[in-house]
Amino acid sequence: MTSSHFCAVNGCDSMKGDSNVSFHYFPKDLAMRNKWAEFLGHGIFNKYSIICGKHFEKDSFANLKEKELGFSVKLFLKKGAVPSIKKPPSREEPAPSPVGFILGLYYLHVFMFDQHIK
């Protein structure tokens, strides 16, 4: 798989094929392309590079409501939209700590035992 299948933003794990994420090619307009490149910070991109929708504010999309209501299959950016969110929210909540789980069981056991004795 080529780099054009992955979001160009460092640390982002979005890749083309994720059904819940939109992907957007760099604009052809040189001034806009430079703004996108400035956002990246590393300047490494080509005409096939993409940035996923997680890096754009909701108001950057022209048809967000239609997409949310199921009237559109693809999200489109408004003219002049520039990515601004460096770190998108993580996909999953962090796994609960096993120590916290064990302590919870311990306190539940103590509580139940204490209730049984009374």
PDB file of N, CA and C in Angstrom:
ATOM      1  N   MET A   1       0.841  -1.175   0.000  1.00  0.00           N
ATOM      2  CA  MET A   1       0.000   0.000   0.000  1.00  0.00           C
ATOM      3  C   MET A   1       0.887   1.240   0.000  1.00  0.00           C
ATOM      4  N   THR A   2       0.569   2.221  -0.840  1.00  0.00           N
ATOM      5  CA  THR A   2       1.392   3.420  -0.927  1.00  0.00           C
ATOM      6  C   THR A   2       1.010   4.420   0.145  1.00  0.00           C
ATOM      7  N   SER A   3       1.864   5.434   0.320  1.00  0.00           N
ATOM      8  CA  SER A   3       1.600   6.445   1.339  1.00  0.00           C
ATOM      9  C   SER A   3       0.343   7.245   1.029  1.00  0.00           C
ATOM     10  N   SER A   4      -0.120   7.217  -0.210  1.00  0.00           N
ATOM     11  CA  SER A   4      -1.331   7.959  -0.558  1.00  0.00           C
ATOM     12  C   SER A   4      -2.584   7.329   0.054  1.00  0.00           C
ATOM     13  N   HIS A   5      -2.457   6.162   0.619  1.00  0.00           N
ATOM     14  CA  HIS A   5      -3.588   5.511   1.266  1.00  0.00           C
ATOM     15  C   HIS A   5      -3.705   5.883   2.739  1.00  0.00           C
ATOM     16  N   PHE A   6      -2.730   6.624   3.257  1.00  0.00           N
ATOM     17  CA  PHE A   6      -2.713   7.005   4.664  1.00  0.00           C
ATOM     18  C   PHE A   6      -2.812   8.513   4.799  1.00  0.00           C
ATOM     19  N   CYS A   7      -3.420   8.968   5.884  1.00  0.00           N
ATOM     20  CA  CYS A   7      -3.476  10.398   6.166  1.00  0.00           C
ATOM     21  C   CYS A   7      -2.046  10.918   6.314  1.00  0.00           C
ATOM     22  N   ALA A   8      -1.755  12.070   5.709  1.00  0.00           N
ATOM     23  CA  ALA A   8      -0.402  12.634   5.693  1.00  0.00           C
ATOM     24  C   ALA A   8       0.004  13.293   7.009  1.00  0.00           C
ATOM     25  N   VAL A   9      -0.929  13.430   7.952  1.00  0.00           N
ATOM     26  CA  VAL A   9      -0.630  14.087   9.226  1.00  0.00           C
ATOM     27  C   VAL A   9       0.128  13.125  10.138  1.00  0.00           C
ATOM     28  N   ASN A  10       1.263  13.590  10.655  1.00  0.00           N
ATOM     29  CA  ASN A  10       2.067  12.759  11.557  1.00  0.00           C
ATOM     30  C   ASN A  10       1.240  12.290  12.747  1.00  0.00           C
ATOM     31  N   GLY A  11       1.323  11.008  13.045  1.00  0.00           N
ATOM     32  CA  GLY A  11       0.638  10.446  14.204  1.00  0.00           C
ATOM     33  C   GLY A  11      -0.794  10.019  13.942  1.00  0.00           C
ATOM     34  N   CYS A  12      -1.332  10.322  12.774  1.00  0.00           N
ATOM     35  CA  CYS A  12      -2.706   9.928  12.461  1.00  0.00           C
ATOM     36  C   CYS A  12      -2.687   8.529  11.852  1.00  0.00           C
ATOM     37  N   ASP A  13      -3.569   7.672  12.339  1.00  0.00           N
ATOM     38  CA  ASP A  13      -3.587   6.289  11.857  1.00  0.00           C
ATOM     39  C   ASP A  13      -4.725   6.017  10.864  1.00  0.00           C
ATOM     40  N   SER A  14      -5.379   7.075  10.388  1.00  0.00           N
ATOM     41  CA  SER A  14      -6.468   6.883   9.426  1.00  0.00           C
ATOM     42  C   SER A  14      -5.918   6.435   8.086  1.00  0.00           C
ATOM     43  N   MET A  15      -6.615   5.484   7.487  1.00  0.00           N
ATOM     44  CA  MET A  15      -6.209   5.041   6.159  1.00  0.00           C
ATOM     45  C   MET A  15      -7.435   4.866   5.286  1.00  0.00           C
ATOM     46  N   LYS A  16      -7.233   5.067   4.003  1.00  0.00           N
ATOM     47  CA  LYS A  16      -8.340   4.942   3.061  1.00  0.00           C
ATOM     48  C   LYS A  16      -8.955   3.565   3.208  1.00  0.00           C
ATOM     49  N   GLY A  17     -10.252   3.538   3.210  1.00  0.00           N
ATOM     50  CA  GLY A  17     -10.957   2.285   3.427  1.00  0.00           C
ATOM     51  C   GLY A  17     -11.722   2.328   4.739  1.00  0.00           C
ATOM     52  N   ASP A  18     -11.307   3.231   5.669  1.00  0.00           N
ATOM     53  CA  ASP A  18     -12.071   3.434   6.899  1.00  0.00           C
ATOM     54  C   ASP A  18     -13.405   4.060   6.494  1.00  0.00           C
ATOM     55  N   SER A  19     -14.494   3.365   6.737  1.00  0.00           N
ATOM     56  CA  SER A  19     -15.792   3.834   6.254  1.00  0.00           C
ATOM     57  C   SER A  19     -16.306   5.070   6.987  1.00  0.00           C
ATOM     58  N   ASN A  20     -15.824   5.329   8.196  1.00  0.00           N
ATOM     59  CA  ASN A  20     -16.323   6.458   8.976  1.00  0.00           C
ATOM     60  C   ASN A  20     -15.475   7.712   8.834  1.00  0.00           C
ATOM     61  N   VAL A  21     -14.506   7.700   7.935  1.00  0.00           N
ATOM     62  CA  VAL A  21     -13.587   8.825   7.795  1.00  0.00           C
ATOM     63  C   VAL A  21     -13.571   9.286   6.343  1.00  0.00           C
ATOM     64  N   SER A  22     -13.630  10.609   6.156  1.00  0.00           N
ATOM     65  CA  SER A  22     -13.509  11.150   4.798  1.00  0.00           C
ATOM     66  C   SER A  22     -12.045  11.474   4.521  1.00  0.00           C
ATOM     67  N   PHE A  23     -11.672  11.451   3.256  1.00  0.00           N
ATOM     68  CA  PHE A  23     -10.294  11.751   2.856  1.00  0.00           C
ATOM     69  C   PHE A  23     -10.307  12.805   1.767  1.00  0.00           C
ATOM     70  N   HIS A  24      -9.317  13.709   1.830  1.00  0.00           N
ATOM     71  CA  HIS A  24      -9.304  14.857   0.937  1.00  0.00           C
ATOM     72  C   HIS A  24      -7.909  15.066   0.372  1.00  0.00           C
ATOM     73  N   TYR A  25      -7.849  15.154  -0.967  1.00  0.00           N
ATOM     74  CA  TYR A  25      -6.577  15.416  -1.642  1.00  0.00           C
ATOM     75  C   TYR A  25      -6.194  16.881  -1.460  1.00  0.00           C
ATOM     76  N   PHE A  26      -4.901  17.150  -1.527  1.00  0.00           N
ATOM     77  CA  PHE A  26      -4.412  18.519  -1.423  1.00  0.00           C
ATOM     78  C   PHE A  26      -5.009  19.351  -2.560  1.00  0.00           C
ATOM     79  N   PRO A  27      -5.347  20.604  -2.268  1.00  0.00           N
ATOM     80  CA  PRO A  27      -5.927  21.459  -3.310  1.00  0.00           C
ATOM     81  C   PRO A  27      -4.934  21.726  -4.444  1.00  0.00           C
ATOM     82  N   LYS A  28      -5.466  21.981  -5.617  1.00  0.00           N
ATOM     83  CA  LYS A  28      -4.603  22.309  -6.763  1.00  0.00           C
ATOM     84  C   LYS A  28      -4.108  23.748  -6.681  1.00  0.00           C
ATOM     85  N   ASP A  29      -4.911  24.617  -6.063  1.00  0.00           N
ATOM     86  CA  ASP A  29      -4.529  26.017  -5.907  1.00  0.00           C
ATOM     87  C   ASP A  29      -3.268  26.113  -5.041  1.00  0.00           C
ATOM     88  N   LEU A  30      -2.233  26.762  -5.565  1.00  0.00           N
ATOM     89  CA  LEU A  30      -0.935  26.809  -4.894  1.00  0.00           C
ATOM     90  C   LEU A  30      -0.999  27.458  -3.511  1.00  0.00           C
ATOM     91  N   ALA A  31      -1.734  28.549  -3.378  1.00  0.00           N
ATOM     92  CA  ALA A  31      -1.831  29.236  -2.084  1.00  0.00           C
ATOM     93  C   ALA A  31      -2.488  28.328  -1.037  1.00  0.00           C
ATOM     94  N   MET A  32      -3.571  27.634  -1.442  1.00  0.00           N
ATOM     95  CA  MET A  32      -4.251  26.725  -0.514  1.00  0.00           C
ATOM     96  C   MET A  32      -3.371  25.519  -0.200  1.00  0.00           C
ATOM     97  N   ARG A  33      -2.703  24.996  -1.199  1.00  0.00           N
ATOM     98  CA  ARG A  33      -1.815  23.853  -0.986  1.00  0.00           C
ATOM     99  C   ARG A  33      -0.719  24.212   0.022  1.00  0.00           C
ATOM    100  N   ASN A  34      -0.204  25.428  -0.074  1.00  0.00           N
ATOM    101  CA  ASN A  34       0.824  25.879   0.870  1.00  0.00           C
ATOM    102  C   ASN A  34       0.280  25.971   2.293  1.00  0.00           C
ATOM    103  N   LYS A  35      -0.978  26.377   2.446  1.00  0.00           N
ATOM    104  CA  LYS A  35      -1.591  26.425   3.783  1.00  0.00           C
ATOM    105  C   LYS A  35      -1.714  25.017   4.366  1.00  0.00           C
ATOM    106  N   TRP A  36      -2.112  24.069   3.533  1.00  0.00           N
ATOM    107  CA  TRP A  36      -2.218  22.681   3.987  1.00  0.00           C
ATOM    108  C   TRP A  36      -0.836  22.150   4.364  1.00  0.00           C
ATOM    109  N   ALA A  37       0.161  22.469   3.542  1.00  0.00           N
ATOM    110  CA  ALA A  37       1.532  22.016   3.810  1.00  0.00           C
ATOM    111  C   ALA A  37       2.051  22.632   5.105  1.00  0.00           C
ATOM    112  N   GLU A  38       1.716  23.891   5.347  1.00  0.00           N
ATOM    113  CA  GLU A  38       2.125  24.553   6.590  1.00  0.00           C
ATOM    114  C   GLU A  38       1.507  23.845   7.791  1.00  0.00           C
ATOM    115  N   PHE A  39       0.258  23.422   7.654  1.00  0.00           N
ATOM    116  CA  PHE A  39      -0.402  22.673   8.726  1.00  0.00           C
ATOM    117  C   PHE A  39       0.347  21.377   9.021  1.00  0.00           C
ATOM    118  N   LEU A  40       0.777  20.687   7.960  1.00  0.00           N
ATOM    119  CA  LEU A  40       1.506  19.420   8.143  1.00  0.00           C
ATOM    120  C   LEU A  40       2.778  19.622   8.948  1.00  0.00           C
ATOM    121  N   GLY A  41       3.476  20.706   8.662  1.00  0.00           N
ATOM    122  CA  GLY A  41       4.709  20.977   9.390  1.00  0.00           C
ATOM    123  C   GLY A  41       5.930  20.297   8.808  1.00  0.00           C
ATOM    124  N   HIS A  42       5.758  19.184   8.101  1.00  0.00           N
ATOM    125  CA  HIS A  42       6.928  18.483   7.569  1.00  0.00           C
ATOM    126  C   HIS A  42       7.104  18.710   6.073  1.00  0.00           C
ATOM    127  N   GLY A  43       6.100  19.206   5.397  1.00  0.00           N
ATOM    128  CA  GLY A  43       6.217  19.547   3.985  1.00  0.00           C
ATOM    129  C   GLY A  43       6.409  18.377   3.038  1.00  0.00           C
ATOM    130  N   ILE A  44       6.222  17.158   3.535  1.00  0.00           N
ATOM    131  CA  ILE A  44       6.409  15.982   2.683  1.00  0.00           C
ATOM    132  C   ILE A  44       5.043  15.526   2.174  1.00  0.00           C
ATOM    133  N   PHE A  45       4.769  15.844   0.928  1.00  0.00           N
ATOM    134  CA  PHE A  45       3.519  15.422   0.311  1.00  0.00           C
ATOM    135  C   PHE A  45       3.699  15.459  -1.200  1.00  0.00           C
ATOM    136  N   ASN A  46       2.778  14.798  -1.883  1.00  0.00           N
ATOM    137  CA  ASN A  46       2.783  14.825  -3.345  1.00  0.00           C
ATOM    138  C   ASN A  46       1.342  14.950  -3.827  1.00  0.00           C
ATOM    139  N   LYS A  47       1.136  14.848  -5.127  1.00  0.00           N
ATOM    140  CA  LYS A  47      -0.216  15.058  -5.655  1.00  0.00           C
ATOM    141  C   LYS A  47      -1.197  13.970  -5.238  1.00  0.00           C
ATOM    142  N   TYR A  48      -0.702  12.881  -4.695  1.00  0.00           N
ATOM    143  CA  TYR A  48      -1.560  11.791  -4.242  1.00  0.00           C
ATOM    144  C   TYR A  48      -1.798  11.813  -2.728  1.00  0.00           C
ATOM    145  N   SER A  49      -1.149  12.723  -2.024  1.00  0.00           N
ATOM    146  CA  SER A  49      -1.282  12.790  -0.563  1.00  0.00           C
ATOM    147  C   SER A  49      -2.703  13.189  -0.178  1.00  0.00           C
ATOM    148  N   ILE A  50      -3.137  12.664   0.958  1.00  0.00           N
ATOM    149  CA  ILE A  50      -4.480  12.948   1.463  1.00  0.00           C
ATOM    150  C   ILE A  50      -4.407  13.333   2.935  1.00  0.00           C
ATOM    151  N   ILE A  51      -5.396  14.084   3.368  1.00  0.00           N
ATOM    152  CA  ILE A  51      -5.576  14.396   4.789  1.00  0.00           C
ATOM    153  C   ILE A  51      -6.994  13.964   5.134  1.00  0.00           C
ATOM    154  N   CYS A  52      -7.140  13.268   6.246  1.00  0.00           N
ATOM    155  CA  CYS A  52      -8.472  12.771   6.612  1.00  0.00           C
ATOM    156  C   CYS A  52      -9.320  13.876   7.242  1.00  0.00           C
ATOM    157  N   GLY A  53     -10.609  13.658   7.216  1.00  0.00           N
ATOM    158  CA  GLY A  53     -11.576  14.622   7.721  1.00  0.00           C
ATOM    159  C   GLY A  53     -11.468  14.913   9.205  1.00  0.00           C
ATOM    160  N   LYS A  54     -10.750  14.079   9.948  1.00  0.00           N
ATOM    161  CA  LYS A  54     -10.600  14.298  11.392  1.00  0.00           C
ATOM    162  C   LYS A  54      -9.813  15.567  11.701  1.00  0.00           C
ATOM    163  N   HIS A  55      -9.106  16.096  10.708  1.00  0.00           N
ATOM    164  CA  HIS A  55      -8.252  17.265  10.933  1.00  0.00           C
ATOM    165  C   HIS A  55      -8.933  18.574  10.535  1.00  0.00           C
ATOM    166  N   PHE A  56     -10.221  18.501  10.204  1.00  0.00           N
ATOM    167  CA  PHE A  56     -10.982  19.682   9.814  1.00  0.00           C
ATOM    168  C   PHE A  56     -12.092  19.932  10.828  1.00  0.00           C
ATOM    169  N   GLU A  57     -12.362  21.206  11.093  1.00  0.00           N
ATOM    170  CA  GLU A  57     -13.494  21.572  11.950  1.00  0.00           C
ATOM    171  C   GLU A  57     -14.788  21.191  11.230  1.00  0.00           C
ATOM    172  N   LYS A  58     -15.845  20.963  12.003  1.00  0.00           N
ATOM    173  CA  LYS A  58     -17.125  20.560  11.402  1.00  0.00           C
ATOM    174  C   LYS A  58     -17.639  21.589  10.398  1.00  0.00           C
ATOM    175  N   ASP A  59     -17.379  22.868  10.673  1.00  0.00           N
ATOM    176  CA  ASP A  59     -17.878  23.898   9.754  1.00  0.00           C
ATOM    177  C   ASP A  59     -17.065  23.992   8.460  1.00  0.00           C
ATOM    178  N   SER A  60     -16.064  23.136   8.304  1.00  0.00           N
ATOM    179  CA  SER A  60     -15.274  23.091   7.065  1.00  0.00           C
ATOM    180  C   SER A  60     -15.966  22.279   5.970  1.00  0.00           C
ATOM    181  N   PHE A  61     -16.999  21.531   6.346  1.00  0.00           N
ATOM    182  CA  PHE A  61     -17.663  20.646   5.390  1.00  0.00           C
ATOM    183  C   PHE A  61     -18.914  21.303   4.807  1.00  0.00           C
ATOM    184  N   ALA A  62     -19.070  21.179   3.500  1.00  0.00           N
ATOM    185  CA  ALA A  62     -20.193  21.798   2.799  1.00  0.00           C
ATOM    186  C   ALA A  62     -21.492  21.024   2.997  1.00  0.00           C
ATOM    187  N   ASN A  63     -21.403  19.734   3.240  1.00  0.00           N
ATOM    188  CA  ASN A  63     -22.608  18.899   3.283  1.00  0.00           C
ATOM    189  C   ASN A  63     -22.645  17.985   4.512  1.00  0.00           C
ATOM    190  N   LEU A  64     -22.197  18.474   5.638  1.00  0.00           N
ATOM    191  CA  LEU A  64     -22.136  17.642   6.850  1.00  0.00           C
ATOM    192  C   LEU A  64     -23.524  17.151   7.267  1.00  0.00           C
ATOM    193  N   LYS A  65     -24.511  18.045   7.277  1.00  0.00           N
ATOM    194  CA  LYS A  65     -25.871  17.643   7.692  1.00  0.00           C
ATOM    195  C   LYS A  65     -26.437  16.570   6.761  1.00  0.00           C
ATOM    196  N   GLU A  66     -26.230  16.754   5.462  1.00  0.00           N
ATOM    197  CA  GLU A  66     -26.726  15.775   4.501  1.00  0.00           C
ATOM    198  C   GLU A  66     -26.082  14.414   4.736  1.00  0.00           C
ATOM    199  N   LYS A  67     -24.794  14.419   5.019  1.00  0.00           N
ATOM    200  CA  LYS A  67     -24.064  13.163   5.284  1.00  0.00           C
ATOM    201  C   LYS A  67     -24.597  12.507   6.552  1.00  0.00           C
ATOM    202  N   GLU A  68     -24.778  13.322   7.603  1.00  0.00           N
ATOM    203  CA  GLU A  68     -25.279  12.781   8.874  1.00  0.00           C
ATOM    204  C   GLU A  68     -26.692  12.207   8.734  1.00  0.00           C
ATOM    205  N   LEU A  69     -27.492  12.795   7.866  1.00  0.00           N
ATOM    206  CA  LEU A  69     -28.864  12.328   7.661  1.00  0.00           C
ATOM    207  C   LEU A  69     -28.970  11.208   6.632  1.00  0.00           C
ATOM    208  N   GLY A  70     -27.839  10.858   6.008  1.00  0.00           N
ATOM    209  CA  GLY A  70     -27.834   9.766   5.053  1.00  0.00           C
ATOM    210  C   GLY A  70     -28.176  10.166   3.630  1.00  0.00           C
ATOM    211  N   PHE A  71     -28.226  11.473   3.347  1.00  0.00           N
ATOM    212  CA  PHE A  71     -28.551  11.940   2.000  1.00  0.00           C
ATOM    213  C   PHE A  71     -27.319  12.098   1.120  1.00  0.00           C
ATOM    214  N   SER A  72     -26.143  11.926   1.696  1.00  0.00           N
ATOM    215  CA  SER A  72     -24.903  12.039   0.933  1.00  0.00           C
ATOM    216  C   SER A  72     -23.969  10.920   1.359  1.00  0.00           C
ATOM    217  N   VAL A  73     -23.246  10.381   0.412  1.00  0.00           N
ATOM    218  CA  VAL A  73     -22.319   9.291   0.700  1.00  0.00           C
ATOM    219  C   VAL A  73     -20.941   9.834   1.058  1.00  0.00           C
ATOM    220  N   LYS A  74     -20.574  10.963   0.461  1.00  0.00           N
ATOM    221  CA  LYS A  74     -19.235  11.510   0.632  1.00  0.00           C
ATOM    222  C   LYS A  74     -19.301  12.925   1.204  1.00  0.00           C
ATOM    223  N   LEU A  75     -18.337  13.258   2.064  1.00  0.00           N
ATOM    224  CA  LEU A  75     -18.231  14.616   2.591  1.00  0.00           C
ATOM    225  C   LEU A  75     -17.383  15.469   1.659  1.00  0.00           C
ATOM    226  N   PHE A  76     -17.825  16.699   1.438  1.00  0.00           N
ATOM    227  CA  PHE A  76     -17.083  17.637   0.609  1.00  0.00           C
ATOM    228  C   PHE A  76     -16.657  18.831   1.449  1.00  0.00           C
ATOM    229  N   LEU A  77     -15.431  19.274   1.233  1.00  0.00           N
ATOM    230  CA  LEU A  77     -14.931  20.449   1.935  1.00  0.00           C
ATOM    231  C   LEU A  77     -15.449  21.719   1.277  1.00  0.00           C
ATOM    232  N   LYS A  78     -15.664  22.746   2.095  1.00  0.00           N
ATOM    233  CA  LYS A  78     -16.000  24.057   1.553  1.00  0.00           C
ATOM    234  C   LYS A  78     -14.768  24.634   0.875  1.00  0.00           C
ATOM    235  N   LYS A  79     -14.986  25.498  -0.081  1.00  0.00           N
ATOM    236  CA  LYS A  79     -13.881  26.177  -0.753  1.00  0.00           C
ATOM    237  C   LYS A  79     -13.110  26.979   0.301  1.00  0.00           C
ATOM    238  N   GLY A  80     -11.811  26.833   0.319  1.00  0.00           N
ATOM    239  CA  GLY A  80     -10.973  27.559   1.271  1.00  0.00           C
ATOM    240  C   GLY A  80     -10.772  26.850   2.602  1.00  0.00           C
ATOM    241  N   ALA A  81     -11.308  25.634   2.757  1.00  0.00           N
ATOM    242  CA  ALA A  81     -11.143  24.892   4.017  1.00  0.00           C
ATOM    243  C   ALA A  81      -9.682  24.497   4.209  1.00  0.00           C
ATOM    244  N   VAL A  82      -9.211  24.686   5.435  1.00  0.00           N
ATOM    245  CA  VAL A  82      -7.825  24.354   5.782  1.00  0.00           C
ATOM    246  C   VAL A  82      -7.854  23.465   7.021  1.00  0.00           C
ATOM    247  N   PRO A  83      -7.087  22.386   7.040  1.00  0.00           N
ATOM    248  CA  PRO A  83      -7.048  21.543   8.243  1.00  0.00           C
ATOM    249  C   PRO A  83      -6.509  22.341   9.425  1.00  0.00           C
ATOM    250  N   SER A  84      -7.058  22.072  10.619  1.00  0.00           N
ATOM    251  CA  SER A  84      -6.625  22.833  11.797  1.00  0.00           C
ATOM    252  C   SER A  84      -6.518  21.988  13.060  1.00  0.00           C
ATOM    253  N   ILE A  85      -6.959  20.745  13.014  1.00  0.00           N
ATOM    254  CA  ILE A  85      -6.929  19.886  14.205  1.00  0.00           C
ATOM    255  C   ILE A  85      -5.738  18.943  14.078  1.00  0.00           C
ATOM    256  N   LYS A  86      -4.712  19.184  14.900  1.00  0.00           N
ATOM    257  CA  LYS A  86      -3.486  18.372  14.807  1.00  0.00           C
ATOM    258  C   LYS A  86      -3.705  16.944  15.263  1.00  0.00           C
ATOM    259  N   LYS A  87      -4.337  16.792  16.420  1.00  0.00           N
ATOM    260  CA  LYS A  87      -4.505  15.450  16.973  1.00  0.00           C
ATOM    261  C   LYS A  87      -5.989  15.145  17.081  1.00  0.00           C
ATOM    262  N   PRO A  88      -6.494  14.293  16.194  1.00  0.00           N
ATOM    263  CA  PRO A  88      -7.911  13.952  16.278  1.00  0.00           C
ATOM    264  C   PRO A  88      -8.195  13.089  17.502  1.00  0.00           C
ATOM    265  N   PRO A  89      -9.460  13.042  17.921  1.00  0.00           N
ATOM    266  CA  PRO A  89      -9.790  12.174  19.051  1.00  0.00           C
ATOM    267  C   PRO A  89      -9.421  10.734  18.738  1.00  0.00           C
ATOM    268  N   SER A  90      -8.998  10.002  19.766  1.00  0.00           N
ATOM    269  CA  SER A  90      -8.603   8.611  19.545  1.00  0.00           C
ATOM    270  C   SER A  90      -9.828   7.775  19.213  1.00  0.00           C
ATOM    271  N   ARG A  91      -9.590   6.683  18.530  1.00  0.00           N
ATOM    272  CA  ARG A  91     -10.678   5.797  18.113  1.00  0.00           C
ATOM    273  C   ARG A  91     -11.322   5.091  19.293  1.00  0.00           C
ATOM    274  N   GLU A  92     -10.514   4.694  20.240  1.00  0.00           N
ATOM    275  CA  GLU A  92     -11.023   3.877  21.336  1.00  0.00           C
ATOM    276  C   GLU A  92     -10.662   4.507  22.668  1.00  0.00           C
ATOM    277  N   GLU A  93     -11.482   4.213  23.636  1.00  0.00           N
ATOM    278  CA  GLU A  93     -11.161   4.609  24.993  1.00  0.00           C
ATOM    279  C   GLU A  93      -9.993   3.755  25.464  1.00  0.00           C
ATOM    280  N   PRO A  94      -9.137   4.313  26.321  1.00  0.00           N
ATOM    281  CA  PRO A  94      -8.049   3.483  26.837  1.00  0.00           C
ATOM    282  C   PRO A  94      -8.606   2.305  27.631  1.00  0.00           C
ATOM    283  N   ALA A  95      -7.920   1.206  27.556  1.00  0.00           N
ATOM    284  CA  ALA A  95      -8.352   0.008  28.277  1.00  0.00           C
ATOM    285  C   ALA A  95      -8.306   0.262  29.779  1.00  0.00           C
ATOM    286  N   PRO A  96      -9.293  -0.234  30.505  1.00  0.00           N
ATOM    287  CA  PRO A  96      -9.273  -0.045  31.947  1.00  0.00           C
ATOM    288  C   PRO A  96      -8.062  -0.735  32.563  1.00  0.00           C
ATOM    289  N   SER A  97      -7.575  -0.148  33.613  1.00  0.00           N
ATOM    290  CA  SER A  97      -6.408  -0.698  34.296  1.00  0.00           C
ATOM    291  C   SER A  97      -6.783  -1.992  35.003  1.00  0.00           C
ATOM    292  N   PRO A  98      -5.990  -3.054  34.847  1.00  0.00           N
ATOM    293  CA  PRO A  98      -6.285  -4.292  35.563  1.00  0.00           C
ATOM    294  C   PRO A  98      -6.213  -4.095  37.072  1.00  0.00           C
ATOM    295  N   VAL A  99      -5.342  -3.196  37.510  1.00  0.00           N
ATOM    296  CA  VAL A  99      -5.225  -2.936  38.953  1.00  0.00           C
ATOM    297  C   VAL A  99      -6.524  -2.341  39.468  1.00  0.00           C
ATOM    298  N   GLY A 100      -7.088  -1.383  38.729  1.00  0.00           N
ATOM    299  CA  GLY A 100      -8.355  -0.776  39.133  1.00  0.00           C
ATOM    300  C   GLY A 100      -9.473  -1.797  39.175  1.00  0.00           C
ATOM    301  N   PHE A 101      -9.502  -2.703  38.219  1.00  0.00           N
ATOM    302  CA  PHE A 101     -10.518  -3.745  38.167  1.00  0.00           C
ATOM    303  C   PHE A 101     -10.396  -4.661  39.380  1.00  0.00           C
ATOM    304  N   ILE A 102      -9.178  -5.075  39.693  1.00  0.00           N
ATOM    305  CA  ILE A 102      -8.937  -5.974  40.830  1.00  0.00           C
ATOM    306  C   ILE A 102      -9.299  -5.292  42.139  1.00  0.00           C
ATOM    307  N   LEU A 103      -8.916  -4.013  42.279  1.00  0.00           N
ATOM    308  CA  LEU A 103      -9.280  -3.281  43.497  1.00  0.00           C
ATOM    309  C   LEU A 103     -10.798  -3.159  43.622  1.00  0.00           C
ATOM    310  N   GLY A 104     -11.465  -2.923  42.493  1.00  0.00           N
ATOM    311  CA  GLY A 104     -12.920  -2.837  42.510  1.00  0.00           C
ATOM    312  C   GLY A 104     -13.546  -4.137  42.988  1.00  0.00           C
ATOM    313  N   LEU A 105     -13.048  -5.267  42.504  1.00  0.00           N
ATOM    314  CA  LEU A 105     -13.548  -6.568  42.956  1.00  0.00           C
ATOM    315  C   LEU A 105     -13.289  -6.771  44.445  1.00  0.00           C
ATOM    316  N   TYR A 106     -12.103  -6.358  44.886  1.00  0.00           N
ATOM    317  CA  TYR A 106     -11.746  -6.504  46.296  1.00  0.00           C
ATOM    318  C   TYR A 106     -12.721  -5.709  47.169  1.00  0.00           C
ATOM    319  N   TYR A 107     -12.957  -4.442  46.809  1.00  0.00           N
ATOM    320  CA  TYR A 107     -13.851  -3.611  47.612  1.00  0.00           C
ATOM    321  C   TYR A 107     -15.286  -4.127  47.559  1.00  0.00           C
ATOM    322  N   LEU A 108     -15.704  -4.663  46.430  1.00  0.00           N
ATOM    323  CA  LEU A 108     -17.028  -5.252  46.325  1.00  0.00           C
ATOM    324  C   LEU A 108     -17.134  -6.455  47.257  1.00  0.00           C
ATOM    325  N   HIS A 109     -16.103  -7.290  47.262  1.00  0.00           N
ATOM    326  CA  HIS A 109     -16.079  -8.460  48.133  1.00  0.00           C
ATOM    327  C   HIS A 109     -16.141  -8.034  49.603  1.00  0.00           C
ATOM    328  N   VAL A 110     -15.328  -7.054  49.987  1.00  0.00           N
ATOM    329  CA  VAL A 110     -15.312  -6.574  51.375  1.00  0.00           C
ATOM    330  C   VAL A 110     -16.676  -6.018  51.740  1.00  0.00           C
ATOM    331  N   PHE A 111     -17.298  -5.232  50.842  1.00  0.00           N
ATOM    332  CA  PHE A 111     -18.602  -4.655  51.110  1.00  0.00           C
ATOM    333  C   PHE A 111     -19.645  -5.756  51.289  1.00  0.00           C
ATOM    334  N   MET A 112     -19.647  -6.741  50.398  1.00  0.00           N
ATOM    335  CA  MET A 112     -20.619  -7.830  50.475  1.00  0.00           C
ATOM    336  C   MET A 112     -20.412  -8.658  51.745  1.00  0.00           C
ATOM    337  N   PHE A 113     -19.165  -8.920  52.077  1.00  0.00           N
ATOM    338  CA  PHE A 113     -18.857  -9.684  53.277  1.00  0.00           C
ATOM    339  C   PHE A 113     -19.309  -8.918  54.511  1.00  0.00           C
ATOM    340  N   ASP A 114     -19.049  -7.603  54.522  1.00  0.00           N
ATOM    341  CA  ASP A 114     -19.421  -6.754  55.646  1.00  0.00           C
ATOM    342  C   ASP A 114     -20.944  -6.717  55.795  1.00  0.00           C
ATOM    343  N   GLN A 115     -21.682  -6.662  54.697  1.00  0.00           N
ATOM    344  CA  GLN A 115     -23.139  -6.640  54.740  1.00  0.00           C
ATOM    345  C   GLN A 115     -23.687  -7.973  55.250  1.00  0.00           C
ATOM    346  N   HIS A 116     -23.015  -9.056  54.883  1.00  0.00           N
ATOM    347  CA  HIS A 116     -23.453 -10.384  55.279  1.00  0.00           C
ATOM    348  C   HIS A 116     -23.305 -10.576  56.790  1.00  0.00           C
ATOM    349  N   ILE A 117     -22.254 -10.030  57.377  1.00  0.00           N
ATOM    350  CA  ILE A 117     -21.995 -10.197  58.810  1.00  0.00           C
ATOM    351  C   ILE A 117     -23.005  -9.416  59.636  1.00  0.00           C
ATOM    352  N   LYS A 118     -23.440  -8.266  59.172  1.00  0.00           N
ATOM    353  CA  LYS A 118     -24.378  -7.429  59.936  1.00  0.00           C
ATOM    354  C   LYS A 118     -25.699  -8.058  59.917  1.00  0.00           C
TER     355      LYS A 118
END
